[in-house]
Amino acid sequence: MITVIDYGAGNLRSVANAITRLGYQLKVTNRPGDLAGASAVILPGVGAAGDTMLSLERMGFVDPIRRFIAEDRPFLGVCIGLQVLLTGTEEGGGHQCLDVIPGQVKKLPPGLKIPHMGWNQVKQVQSHPIFKGIPDETNFYFVHSYYGSPEAPEVVAGETEYGISFCSVIVRDNLIATQFHPEKSGEPGLKIYDNFLKFASIERE
């Protein structure tokens, strides 16, 4: 079962609708115990990484998420769902995150319009099944003021230019994360979800 974590994120319904539109069955849950039986987990997000971590901590999701990823099971983080995978965030005076991917969440540089909102290209810096059928430098939809900066360059699969070149796709084993919102990115975004679910060997119903 595809399991989407509900910790109060505002874009939850649009993520669920995108997956349903592709013909997959899913479960939206606010119960950490449901992750144990999941075939794939999706962590969507909007807002601030620190606030998201507080919600995940309060609801008891932190250890189940870490355990799911440590077991090398298919996991997709979206936007804030990417950022919380890192060690910590500068946002809100600093907050510890899940520390699954060593690195920090940093603020986009001054002099830019913040948040970075709208369409921007994703440069594919390594080949991965998440990009199957998606041309290099395809545009996806972004809404963020901070970006994830992993320590290990080998986990960076996509990069985007906005004042600086920042990591917009992370891959490591069965973990994938995007800074952009696939559910707001039209057909290429739907393809990202479909590629992830095929990568996870999930069958359409």
N, C-alpha and C. Protein backbone atom coordinates (compact mmCIF):
# COMPACT_ATOMS: atom_id res chain seq x y z
N MET A 1 0.84 -1.21 0.00
CA MET A 1 0.00 0.00 0.00
C MET A 1 0.87 1.26 0.00
N ILE A 2 0.55 2.20 -0.88
CA ILE A 2 1.19 3.51 -0.88
C ILE A 2 0.64 4.31 0.30
N THR A 3 1.53 4.78 1.16
CA THR A 3 1.11 5.48 2.37
C THR A 3 1.61 6.92 2.33
N VAL A 4 0.69 7.88 2.44
CA VAL A 4 1.02 9.30 2.46
C VAL A 4 0.87 9.79 3.89
N ILE A 5 1.92 10.38 4.44
CA ILE A 5 1.91 10.82 5.83
C ILE A 5 1.14 12.12 5.97
N ASP A 6 0.16 12.11 6.86
CA ASP A 6 -0.65 13.29 7.16
C ASP A 6 -0.24 13.85 8.51
N TYR A 7 0.55 14.92 8.48
CA TYR A 7 0.92 15.60 9.73
C TYR A 7 0.39 17.04 9.74
N GLY A 8 -0.58 17.30 8.83
CA GLY A 8 -1.19 18.62 8.75
C GLY A 8 -0.67 19.48 7.62
N ALA A 9 0.08 18.91 6.68
CA ALA A 9 0.62 19.69 5.56
C ALA A 9 -0.50 20.16 4.63
N GLY A 10 -0.38 21.37 4.13
CA GLY A 10 -1.45 21.97 3.35
C GLY A 10 -1.65 21.37 1.97
N ASN A 11 -0.61 20.70 1.40
CA ASN A 11 -0.73 20.20 0.03
C ASN A 11 -1.05 18.71 -0.02
N LEU A 12 -1.48 18.16 1.11
CA LEU A 12 -1.71 16.72 1.20
C LEU A 12 -2.72 16.23 0.17
N ARG A 13 -3.84 16.92 0.05
CA ARG A 13 -4.91 16.47 -0.83
C ARG A 13 -4.47 16.49 -2.30
N SER A 14 -3.71 17.50 -2.70
CA SER A 14 -3.27 17.56 -4.10
C SER A 14 -2.29 16.44 -4.42
N VAL A 15 -1.47 16.04 -3.45
CA VAL A 15 -0.58 14.91 -3.65
C VAL A 15 -1.40 13.63 -3.82
N ALA A 16 -2.36 13.42 -2.93
CA ALA A 16 -3.21 12.22 -3.00
C ALA A 16 -3.98 12.18 -4.31
N ASN A 17 -4.49 13.33 -4.75
CA ASN A 17 -5.25 13.39 -6.01
C ASN A 17 -4.38 13.02 -7.20
N ALA A 18 -3.12 13.48 -7.19
CA ALA A 18 -2.22 13.18 -8.29
C ALA A 18 -1.97 11.68 -8.39
N ILE A 19 -1.77 11.04 -7.26
CA ILE A 19 -1.49 9.60 -7.27
C ILE A 19 -2.73 8.82 -7.68
N THR A 20 -3.89 9.24 -7.18
CA THR A 20 -5.14 8.59 -7.56
C THR A 20 -5.40 8.74 -9.06
N ARG A 21 -5.09 9.91 -9.60
CA ARG A 21 -5.28 10.16 -11.03
C ARG A 21 -4.45 9.20 -11.88
N LEU A 22 -3.31 8.78 -11.35
CA LEU A 22 -2.45 7.84 -12.07
C LEU A 22 -2.97 6.41 -12.01
N GLY A 23 -4.00 6.17 -11.19
CA GLY A 23 -4.61 4.85 -11.12
C GLY A 23 -4.13 3.98 -9.97
N TYR A 24 -3.45 4.60 -9.00
CA TYR A 24 -2.95 3.85 -7.84
C TYR A 24 -3.88 4.02 -6.65
N GLN A 25 -3.93 3.00 -5.80
CA GLN A 25 -4.62 3.08 -4.52
C GLN A 25 -3.63 3.57 -3.47
N LEU A 26 -4.12 4.37 -2.53
CA LEU A 26 -3.23 4.87 -1.49
C LEU A 26 -3.98 5.01 -0.17
N LYS A 27 -3.20 5.15 0.88
CA LYS A 27 -3.75 5.41 2.20
C LYS A 27 -3.11 6.69 2.74
N VAL A 28 -3.94 7.63 3.19
CA VAL A 28 -3.46 8.82 3.88
C VAL A 28 -3.61 8.54 5.37
N THR A 29 -2.52 8.70 6.13
CA THR A 29 -2.58 8.31 7.53
C THR A 29 -1.90 9.33 8.45
N ASN A 30 -2.46 9.47 9.65
CA ASN A 30 -1.80 10.23 10.71
C ASN A 30 -1.36 9.31 11.84
N ARG A 31 -1.28 8.00 11.52
CA ARG A 31 -0.88 7.01 12.53
C ARG A 31 0.50 6.45 12.19
N PRO A 32 1.50 6.69 13.02
CA PRO A 32 2.86 6.23 12.73
C PRO A 32 2.96 4.72 12.52
N GLY A 33 2.13 3.95 13.20
CA GLY A 33 2.19 2.50 13.07
C GLY A 33 1.88 2.00 11.68
N ASP A 34 1.18 2.80 10.88
CA ASP A 34 0.83 2.38 9.52
C ASP A 34 2.04 2.28 8.60
N LEU A 35 3.15 2.93 8.96
CA LEU A 35 4.33 2.88 8.10
C LEU A 35 4.93 1.48 8.04
N ALA A 36 4.74 0.69 9.10
CA ALA A 36 5.35 -0.64 9.15
C ALA A 36 4.86 -1.53 8.02
N GLY A 37 3.61 -1.39 7.64
CA GLY A 37 3.05 -2.24 6.59
C GLY A 37 3.01 -1.60 5.23
N ALA A 38 3.61 -0.44 5.07
CA ALA A 38 3.55 0.29 3.80
C ALA A 38 4.51 -0.30 2.78
N SER A 39 4.09 -0.29 1.51
CA SER A 39 4.98 -0.69 0.41
C SER A 39 5.85 0.48 -0.03
N ALA A 40 5.34 1.70 0.11
CA ALA A 40 6.07 2.92 -0.22
C ALA A 40 5.46 4.04 0.62
N VAL A 41 6.30 5.00 1.02
CA VAL A 41 5.85 6.11 1.84
C VAL A 41 6.18 7.42 1.14
N ILE A 42 5.22 8.35 1.17
CA ILE A 42 5.42 9.69 0.63
C ILE A 42 5.23 10.70 1.76
N LEU A 43 6.21 11.59 1.91
CA LEU A 43 6.14 12.67 2.90
C LEU A 43 6.05 14.00 2.16
N PRO A 44 4.84 14.56 2.01
CA PRO A 44 4.69 15.85 1.34
C PRO A 44 4.97 16.98 2.32
N GLY A 45 4.97 18.22 1.82
CA GLY A 45 5.18 19.31 2.77
C GLY A 45 5.13 20.68 2.15
N VAL A 46 4.63 21.62 2.91
CA VAL A 46 4.73 23.05 2.61
C VAL A 46 5.01 23.75 3.94
N GLY A 47 5.57 24.95 3.86
CA GLY A 47 5.80 25.70 5.09
C GLY A 47 7.25 25.66 5.51
N ALA A 48 7.50 25.41 6.80
CA ALA A 48 8.84 25.48 7.37
C ALA A 48 9.29 24.12 7.87
N ALA A 49 10.57 23.81 7.66
CA ALA A 49 11.10 22.52 8.08
C ALA A 49 11.03 22.36 9.60
N GLY A 50 11.33 23.44 10.34
CA GLY A 50 11.27 23.34 11.79
C GLY A 50 9.88 23.02 12.29
N ASP A 51 8.87 23.70 11.73
CA ASP A 51 7.48 23.43 12.13
C ASP A 51 7.08 22.01 11.75
N THR A 52 7.53 21.56 10.58
CA THR A 52 7.22 20.19 10.16
C THR A 52 7.83 19.18 11.13
N MET A 53 9.09 19.40 11.54
CA MET A 53 9.73 18.50 12.49
C MET A 53 8.97 18.48 13.82
N LEU A 54 8.52 19.63 14.28
CA LEU A 54 7.76 19.67 15.53
C LEU A 54 6.49 18.84 15.41
N SER A 55 5.81 18.93 14.27
CA SER A 55 4.60 18.13 14.06
C SER A 55 4.92 16.65 14.01
N LEU A 56 5.98 16.28 13.28
CA LEU A 56 6.37 14.87 13.19
C LEU A 56 6.76 14.32 14.55
N GLU A 57 7.47 15.13 15.34
CA GLU A 57 7.86 14.71 16.69
C GLU A 57 6.63 14.53 17.58
N ARG A 58 5.74 15.50 17.53
CA ARG A 58 4.54 15.46 18.39
C ARG A 58 3.66 14.26 18.06
N MET A 59 3.60 13.91 16.79
CA MET A 59 2.72 12.81 16.36
C MET A 59 3.39 11.44 16.39
N GLY A 60 4.68 11.41 16.71
CA GLY A 60 5.39 10.14 16.84
C GLY A 60 5.89 9.54 15.54
N PHE A 61 6.08 10.36 14.51
CA PHE A 61 6.50 9.85 13.21
C PHE A 61 8.02 9.76 13.03
N VAL A 62 8.80 10.43 13.88
CA VAL A 62 10.23 10.55 13.61
C VAL A 62 10.92 9.19 13.55
N ASP A 63 10.79 8.39 14.58
CA ASP A 63 11.46 7.08 14.58
C ASP A 63 10.92 6.14 13.51
N PRO A 64 9.59 6.06 13.28
CA PRO A 64 9.10 5.20 12.20
C PRO A 64 9.62 5.61 10.81
N ILE A 65 9.74 6.92 10.55
CA ILE A 65 10.29 7.37 9.27
C ILE A 65 11.75 6.96 9.15
N ARG A 66 12.53 7.22 10.20
CA ARG A 66 13.96 6.84 10.16
C ARG A 66 14.12 5.33 9.96
N ARG A 67 13.28 4.56 10.64
CA ARG A 67 13.37 3.10 10.54
C ARG A 67 13.00 2.64 9.12
N PHE A 68 11.94 3.22 8.55
CA PHE A 68 11.50 2.86 7.20
C PHE A 68 12.63 3.11 6.20
N ILE A 69 13.28 4.26 6.30
CA ILE A 69 14.37 4.59 5.37
C ILE A 69 15.58 3.72 5.63
N ALA A 70 15.90 3.46 6.90
CA ALA A 70 17.05 2.61 7.25
C ALA A 70 16.88 1.19 6.72
N GLU A 71 15.63 0.74 6.60
CA GLU A 71 15.35 -0.58 6.04
C GLU A 71 15.40 -0.58 4.51
N ASP A 72 15.76 0.56 3.92
CA ASP A 72 15.91 0.72 2.48
C ASP A 72 14.63 0.40 1.73
N ARG A 73 13.52 0.94 2.25
CA ARG A 73 12.23 0.78 1.61
C ARG A 73 11.89 2.07 0.86
N PRO A 74 11.06 2.00 -0.17
CA PRO A 74 10.84 3.16 -1.05
C PRO A 74 10.18 4.35 -0.34
N PHE A 75 10.87 5.48 -0.38
CA PHE A 75 10.44 6.69 0.33
C PHE A 75 10.62 7.89 -0.58
N LEU A 76 9.58 8.73 -0.66
CA LEU A 76 9.63 9.96 -1.47
C LEU A 76 9.31 11.16 -0.58
N GLY A 77 10.24 12.11 -0.52
CA GLY A 77 10.01 13.37 0.18
C GLY A 77 9.76 14.48 -0.83
N VAL A 78 8.78 15.34 -0.55
CA VAL A 78 8.41 16.42 -1.47
C VAL A 78 8.53 17.77 -0.76
N CYS A 79 9.33 18.67 -1.32
CA CYS A 79 9.54 20.04 -0.83
C CYS A 79 10.07 20.02 0.61
N ILE A 80 9.24 20.36 1.59
CA ILE A 80 9.69 20.27 2.98
C ILE A 80 10.03 18.82 3.33
N GLY A 81 9.39 17.89 2.64
CA GLY A 81 9.71 16.48 2.81
C GLY A 81 11.13 16.13 2.40
N LEU A 82 11.74 16.93 1.52
CA LEU A 82 13.17 16.82 1.22
C LEU A 82 13.98 17.46 2.34
N GLN A 83 13.61 18.66 2.71
CA GLN A 83 14.43 19.42 3.66
C GLN A 83 14.57 18.72 5.01
N VAL A 84 13.49 18.12 5.50
CA VAL A 84 13.57 17.50 6.83
C VAL A 84 14.43 16.24 6.83
N LEU A 85 14.81 15.73 5.67
CA LEU A 85 15.70 14.57 5.62
C LEU A 85 17.12 14.92 6.03
N LEU A 86 17.47 16.20 5.97
CA LEU A 86 18.83 16.61 6.27
C LEU A 86 19.06 16.71 7.78
N THR A 87 20.28 17.06 8.15
CA THR A 87 20.67 17.07 9.57
C THR A 87 19.96 18.16 10.34
N GLY A 88 19.90 19.35 9.77
CA GLY A 88 19.27 20.46 10.47
C GLY A 88 18.95 21.59 9.52
N THR A 89 18.17 22.56 10.01
CA THR A 89 17.78 23.71 9.20
C THR A 89 18.15 25.01 9.90
N GLU A 90 18.54 26.01 9.12
CA GLU A 90 18.81 27.35 9.64
C GLU A 90 17.52 28.10 9.96
N GLU A 91 16.41 27.64 9.40
CA GLU A 91 15.15 28.36 9.49
C GLU A 91 14.68 28.47 10.93
N GLY A 92 14.11 29.63 11.27
CA GLY A 92 13.53 29.81 12.61
C GLY A 92 14.54 29.74 13.73
N GLY A 93 15.78 30.15 13.45
CA GLY A 93 16.80 30.12 14.48
C GLY A 93 17.49 28.78 14.62
N GLY A 94 17.13 27.84 13.77
CA GLY A 94 17.78 26.53 13.77
C GLY A 94 16.92 25.46 14.41
N HIS A 95 16.93 24.27 13.80
CA HIS A 95 16.19 23.14 14.35
C HIS A 95 16.80 21.86 13.81
N GLN A 96 16.89 20.85 14.65
CA GLN A 96 17.35 19.53 14.19
C GLN A 96 16.29 18.90 13.31
N CYS A 97 16.75 18.22 12.25
CA CYS A 97 15.84 17.50 11.36
C CYS A 97 16.08 16.00 11.52
N LEU A 98 15.71 15.21 10.53
CA LEU A 98 15.76 13.75 10.67
C LEU A 98 17.18 13.20 10.61
N ASP A 99 18.10 13.94 10.02
CA ASP A 99 19.51 13.52 9.93
C ASP A 99 19.66 12.19 9.19
N VAL A 100 18.84 11.99 8.18
CA VAL A 100 18.96 10.82 7.31
C VAL A 100 20.02 11.07 6.24
N ILE A 101 20.05 12.29 5.73
CA ILE A 101 21.05 12.73 4.75
C ILE A 101 21.91 13.81 5.42
N PRO A 102 23.20 13.57 5.64
CA PRO A 102 24.04 14.61 6.25
C PRO A 102 24.04 15.88 5.41
N GLY A 103 23.80 17.00 6.08
CA GLY A 103 23.76 18.29 5.39
C GLY A 103 22.85 19.26 6.10
N GLN A 104 22.76 20.47 5.57
CA GLN A 104 21.99 21.52 6.20
C GLN A 104 20.99 22.15 5.23
N VAL A 105 19.92 22.67 5.79
CA VAL A 105 18.94 23.44 5.03
C VAL A 105 19.29 24.92 5.20
N LYS A 106 19.54 25.60 4.09
CA LYS A 106 20.04 26.97 4.12
C LYS A 106 19.08 27.92 3.41
N LYS A 107 19.16 29.19 3.78
CA LYS A 107 18.31 30.20 3.15
C LYS A 107 18.87 30.58 1.79
N LEU A 108 17.99 30.77 0.81
CA LEU A 108 18.42 31.27 -0.49
C LEU A 108 19.10 32.62 -0.32
N PRO A 109 20.09 32.95 -1.14
CA PRO A 109 20.90 34.14 -0.92
C PRO A 109 20.10 35.44 -1.05
N PRO A 110 20.57 36.49 -0.37
CA PRO A 110 19.88 37.79 -0.45
C PRO A 110 19.96 38.37 -1.85
N GLY A 111 19.02 39.29 -2.12
CA GLY A 111 18.97 39.93 -3.42
C GLY A 111 18.04 39.25 -4.40
N LEU A 112 17.48 38.10 -4.00
CA LEU A 112 16.54 37.38 -4.85
C LEU A 112 15.13 37.60 -4.34
N LYS A 113 14.17 37.43 -5.22
CA LYS A 113 12.78 37.44 -4.79
C LYS A 113 12.51 36.14 -4.01
N ILE A 114 12.11 36.33 -2.75
CA ILE A 114 11.86 35.19 -1.86
C ILE A 114 10.41 35.23 -1.42
N PRO A 115 9.68 34.11 -1.48
CA PRO A 115 10.17 32.78 -1.87
C PRO A 115 10.43 32.66 -3.38
N HIS A 116 11.24 31.68 -3.69
CA HIS A 116 11.41 31.26 -5.08
C HIS A 116 10.12 30.55 -5.45
N MET A 117 9.32 31.19 -6.30
CA MET A 117 7.98 30.68 -6.61
C MET A 117 7.77 30.67 -8.11
N GLY A 118 7.42 29.51 -8.63
CA GLY A 118 7.11 29.41 -10.05
C GLY A 118 7.91 28.30 -10.72
N TRP A 119 7.95 28.36 -12.04
CA TRP A 119 8.55 27.29 -12.84
C TRP A 119 10.04 27.52 -13.00
N ASN A 120 10.79 26.42 -12.88
CA ASN A 120 12.23 26.50 -13.09
C ASN A 120 12.74 25.13 -13.54
N GLN A 121 13.88 25.16 -14.21
CA GLN A 121 14.43 23.94 -14.80
C GLN A 121 15.15 23.08 -13.77
N VAL A 122 15.06 21.78 -13.97
CA VAL A 122 15.84 20.82 -13.18
C VAL A 122 16.87 20.18 -14.11
N LYS A 123 18.14 20.43 -13.81
CA LYS A 123 19.25 19.82 -14.55
C LYS A 123 19.53 18.46 -13.95
N GLN A 124 19.44 17.42 -14.76
CA GLN A 124 19.68 16.05 -14.30
C GLN A 124 21.18 15.80 -14.27
N VAL A 125 21.75 15.73 -13.08
CA VAL A 125 23.20 15.59 -12.95
C VAL A 125 23.62 14.13 -12.81
N GLN A 126 22.66 13.23 -12.67
CA GLN A 126 22.96 11.81 -12.76
C GLN A 126 21.73 11.09 -13.31
N SER A 127 21.97 9.98 -13.94
CA SER A 127 20.87 9.19 -14.49
C SER A 127 20.20 8.40 -13.38
N HIS A 128 18.86 8.40 -13.38
CA HIS A 128 18.12 7.69 -12.34
C HIS A 128 16.72 7.38 -12.88
N PRO A 129 16.12 6.26 -12.46
CA PRO A 129 14.77 5.92 -12.94
C PRO A 129 13.72 6.98 -12.65
N ILE A 130 13.94 7.85 -11.67
CA ILE A 130 12.95 8.90 -11.37
C ILE A 130 12.78 9.85 -12.56
N PHE A 131 13.81 9.94 -13.42
CA PHE A 131 13.77 10.84 -14.57
C PHE A 131 13.34 10.13 -15.87
N LYS A 132 12.94 8.87 -15.80
CA LYS A 132 12.62 8.13 -17.02
C LYS A 132 11.52 8.85 -17.81
N GLY A 133 11.77 9.11 -19.08
CA GLY A 133 10.80 9.76 -19.94
C GLY A 133 10.67 11.26 -19.73
N ILE A 134 11.55 11.84 -18.91
CA ILE A 134 11.51 13.28 -18.64
C ILE A 134 12.76 13.92 -19.22
N PRO A 135 12.64 14.82 -20.19
CA PRO A 135 13.83 15.44 -20.78
C PRO A 135 14.62 16.24 -19.75
N ASP A 136 15.92 16.28 -19.96
CA ASP A 136 16.78 17.11 -19.11
C ASP A 136 16.33 18.57 -19.21
N GLU A 137 16.44 19.28 -18.09
CA GLU A 137 16.08 20.69 -17.97
C GLU A 137 14.59 20.95 -18.17
N THR A 138 13.77 19.95 -17.86
CA THR A 138 12.32 20.15 -17.82
C THR A 138 11.97 21.10 -16.68
N ASN A 139 10.94 21.91 -16.88
CA ASN A 139 10.48 22.84 -15.85
C ASN A 139 9.55 22.16 -14.86
N PHE A 140 9.76 22.45 -13.57
CA PHE A 140 8.89 22.00 -12.50
C PHE A 140 8.54 23.21 -11.62
N TYR A 141 7.52 23.04 -10.79
CA TYR A 141 6.99 24.17 -10.01
C TYR A 141 7.59 24.18 -8.60
N PHE A 142 8.17 25.32 -8.23
CA PHE A 142 8.83 25.50 -6.94
C PHE A 142 8.10 26.53 -6.09
N VAL A 143 8.09 26.31 -4.77
CA VAL A 143 7.68 27.34 -3.80
C VAL A 143 8.52 27.10 -2.54
N HIS A 144 9.59 27.90 -2.36
CA HIS A 144 10.44 27.70 -1.18
C HIS A 144 11.34 28.90 -0.97
N SER A 145 11.77 29.07 0.27
CA SER A 145 12.72 30.11 0.63
C SER A 145 14.06 29.53 1.09
N TYR A 146 14.06 28.25 1.38
CA TYR A 146 15.26 27.53 1.84
C TYR A 146 15.51 26.35 0.92
N TYR A 147 16.72 25.83 0.95
CA TYR A 147 17.08 24.71 0.09
C TYR A 147 17.98 23.74 0.87
N GLY A 148 17.91 22.48 0.49
CA GLY A 148 18.76 21.48 1.12
C GLY A 148 20.14 21.45 0.50
N SER A 149 21.15 21.37 1.35
CA SER A 149 22.54 21.32 0.89
C SER A 149 23.21 20.07 1.45
N PRO A 150 23.10 18.93 0.76
CA PRO A 150 23.71 17.70 1.26
C PRO A 150 25.24 17.78 1.26
N GLU A 151 25.86 17.11 2.21
CA GLU A 151 27.33 17.07 2.27
C GLU A 151 27.91 16.22 1.14
N ALA A 152 27.24 15.12 0.81
CA ALA A 152 27.77 14.18 -0.18
C ALA A 152 27.24 14.51 -1.57
N PRO A 153 28.10 14.89 -2.50
CA PRO A 153 27.62 15.24 -3.84
C PRO A 153 26.96 14.07 -4.57
N GLU A 154 27.30 12.83 -4.19
CA GLU A 154 26.75 11.68 -4.92
C GLU A 154 25.26 11.48 -4.69
N VAL A 155 24.66 12.13 -3.69
CA VAL A 155 23.21 11.99 -3.49
C VAL A 155 22.42 13.02 -4.29
N VAL A 156 23.11 13.97 -4.91
CA VAL A 156 22.45 15.01 -5.69
C VAL A 156 22.19 14.49 -7.10
N ALA A 157 20.91 14.36 -7.46
CA ALA A 157 20.56 13.87 -8.80
C ALA A 157 20.06 14.98 -9.70
N GLY A 158 19.57 16.08 -9.10
CA GLY A 158 19.07 17.21 -9.88
C GLY A 158 19.49 18.52 -9.25
N GLU A 159 19.76 19.51 -10.10
CA GLU A 159 20.14 20.85 -9.63
C GLU A 159 19.33 21.90 -10.37
N THR A 160 19.10 23.02 -9.68
CA THR A 160 18.32 24.13 -10.24
C THR A 160 19.04 25.44 -9.94
N GLU A 161 18.98 26.37 -10.90
CA GLU A 161 19.62 27.68 -10.74
C GLU A 161 18.61 28.71 -10.26
N TYR A 162 18.92 29.35 -9.13
CA TYR A 162 18.14 30.51 -8.69
C TYR A 162 19.07 31.35 -7.80
N GLY A 163 19.84 32.21 -8.44
CA GLY A 163 20.87 32.95 -7.71
C GLY A 163 22.09 32.09 -7.47
N ILE A 164 21.88 30.87 -7.06
CA ILE A 164 22.92 29.86 -6.90
C ILE A 164 22.41 28.57 -7.56
N SER A 165 23.29 27.61 -7.68
CA SER A 165 22.87 26.27 -8.10
C SER A 165 22.60 25.47 -6.84
N PHE A 166 21.36 25.02 -6.67
CA PHE A 166 21.01 24.28 -5.45
C PHE A 166 20.48 22.89 -5.81
N CYS A 167 20.54 22.01 -4.84
CA CYS A 167 20.07 20.63 -5.02
C CYS A 167 18.55 20.63 -5.08
N SER A 168 17.99 20.10 -6.18
CA SER A 168 16.54 20.03 -6.30
C SER A 168 16.01 18.60 -6.35
N VAL A 169 16.91 17.61 -6.46
CA VAL A 169 16.52 16.20 -6.37
C VAL A 169 17.61 15.44 -5.63
N ILE A 170 17.21 14.68 -4.63
CA ILE A 170 18.12 13.81 -3.87
C ILE A 170 17.74 12.36 -4.17
N VAL A 171 18.74 11.53 -4.38
CA VAL A 171 18.51 10.08 -4.47
C VAL A 171 19.59 9.36 -3.66
N ARG A 172 19.16 8.35 -2.94
CA ARG A 172 20.09 7.46 -2.24
C ARG A 172 19.40 6.12 -2.01
N ASP A 173 19.87 5.10 -2.69
CA ASP A 173 19.23 3.79 -2.60
C ASP A 173 17.75 3.92 -2.96
N ASN A 174 16.84 3.56 -2.06
CA ASN A 174 15.41 3.64 -2.35
C ASN A 174 14.77 4.93 -1.85
N LEU A 175 15.58 5.89 -1.46
CA LEU A 175 15.09 7.20 -1.03
C LEU A 175 15.22 8.19 -2.17
N ILE A 176 14.14 8.91 -2.44
CA ILE A 176 14.12 9.96 -3.46
C ILE A 176 13.43 11.17 -2.84
N ALA A 177 13.90 12.37 -3.16
CA ALA A 177 13.25 13.59 -2.66
C ALA A 177 13.39 14.70 -3.68
N THR A 178 12.35 15.53 -3.78
CA THR A 178 12.35 16.66 -4.71
C THR A 178 12.05 17.95 -3.97
N GLN A 179 12.78 19.01 -4.31
CA GLN A 179 12.48 20.31 -3.73
C GLN A 179 11.25 20.93 -4.39
N PHE A 180 11.01 20.60 -5.63
CA PHE A 180 9.83 21.10 -6.33
C PHE A 180 8.61 20.26 -5.97
N HIS A 181 7.44 20.74 -6.41
CA HIS A 181 6.17 20.07 -6.15
C HIS A 181 5.71 19.34 -7.42
N PRO A 182 5.89 18.02 -7.50
CA PRO A 182 5.40 17.31 -8.68
C PRO A 182 3.90 17.47 -8.90
N GLU A 183 3.14 17.52 -7.80
CA GLU A 183 1.68 17.60 -7.92
C GLU A 183 1.21 18.93 -8.48
N LYS A 184 2.11 19.93 -8.57
CA LYS A 184 1.78 21.23 -9.15
C LYS A 184 2.48 21.44 -10.50
N SER A 185 3.08 20.38 -11.02
CA SER A 185 3.96 20.51 -12.19
C SER A 185 3.42 19.86 -13.45
N GLY A 186 2.11 19.68 -13.53
CA GLY A 186 1.51 19.16 -14.75
C GLY A 186 1.95 17.74 -15.07
N GLU A 187 2.01 17.42 -16.37
CA GLU A 187 2.33 16.06 -16.79
C GLU A 187 3.73 15.60 -16.36
N PRO A 188 4.76 16.46 -16.43
CA PRO A 188 6.07 16.00 -15.94
C PRO A 188 6.04 15.64 -14.45
N GLY A 189 5.26 16.38 -13.68
CA GLY A 189 5.14 16.07 -12.26
C GLY A 189 4.45 14.74 -12.01
N LEU A 190 3.38 14.48 -12.77
CA LEU A 190 2.72 13.18 -12.67
C LEU A 190 3.69 12.06 -13.05
N LYS A 191 4.54 12.32 -14.02
CA LYS A 191 5.53 11.33 -14.44
C LYS A 191 6.51 11.04 -13.30
N ILE A 192 6.87 12.06 -12.53
CA ILE A 192 7.75 11.84 -11.37
C ILE A 192 7.11 10.88 -10.39
N TYR A 193 5.83 11.10 -10.06
CA TYR A 193 5.14 10.19 -9.14
C TYR A 193 5.04 8.79 -9.74
N ASP A 194 4.70 8.70 -11.01
CA ASP A 194 4.56 7.40 -11.65
C ASP A 194 5.91 6.67 -11.67
N ASN A 195 6.98 7.39 -11.98
CA ASN A 195 8.30 6.78 -11.99
C ASN A 195 8.69 6.28 -10.60
N PHE A 196 8.38 7.07 -9.57
CA PHE A 196 8.69 6.63 -8.21
C PHE A 196 7.94 5.35 -7.87
N LEU A 197 6.67 5.29 -8.20
CA LEU A 197 5.86 4.13 -7.83
C LEU A 197 6.26 2.90 -8.65
N LYS A 198 6.67 3.10 -9.90
CA LYS A 198 7.22 1.98 -10.67
C LYS A 198 8.56 1.54 -10.10
N PHE A 199 9.39 2.49 -9.71
CA PHE A 199 10.67 2.20 -9.06
C PHE A 199 10.45 1.38 -7.79
N ALA A 200 9.33 1.67 -7.10
CA ALA A 200 8.97 0.95 -5.87
C ALA A 200 8.25 -0.36 -6.14
N SER A 201 8.09 -0.69 -7.43
CA SER A 201 7.40 -1.93 -7.85
C SER A 201 5.94 -1.99 -7.38
N ILE A 202 5.29 -0.82 -7.37
CA ILE A 202 3.88 -0.76 -7.01
C ILE A 202 3.05 -0.95 -8.27
N GLU A 203 2.04 -1.79 -8.20
CA GLU A 203 1.16 -2.03 -9.33
C GLU A 203 -0.08 -1.12 -9.26
N ARG A 204 -0.53 -0.65 -10.41
CA ARG A 204 -1.79 0.05 -10.46
C ARG A 204 -2.93 -0.90 -10.11
N GLU A 205 -3.99 -0.35 -9.51
CA GLU A 205 -5.14 -1.18 -9.15
C GLU A 205 -6.03 -1.38 -10.38
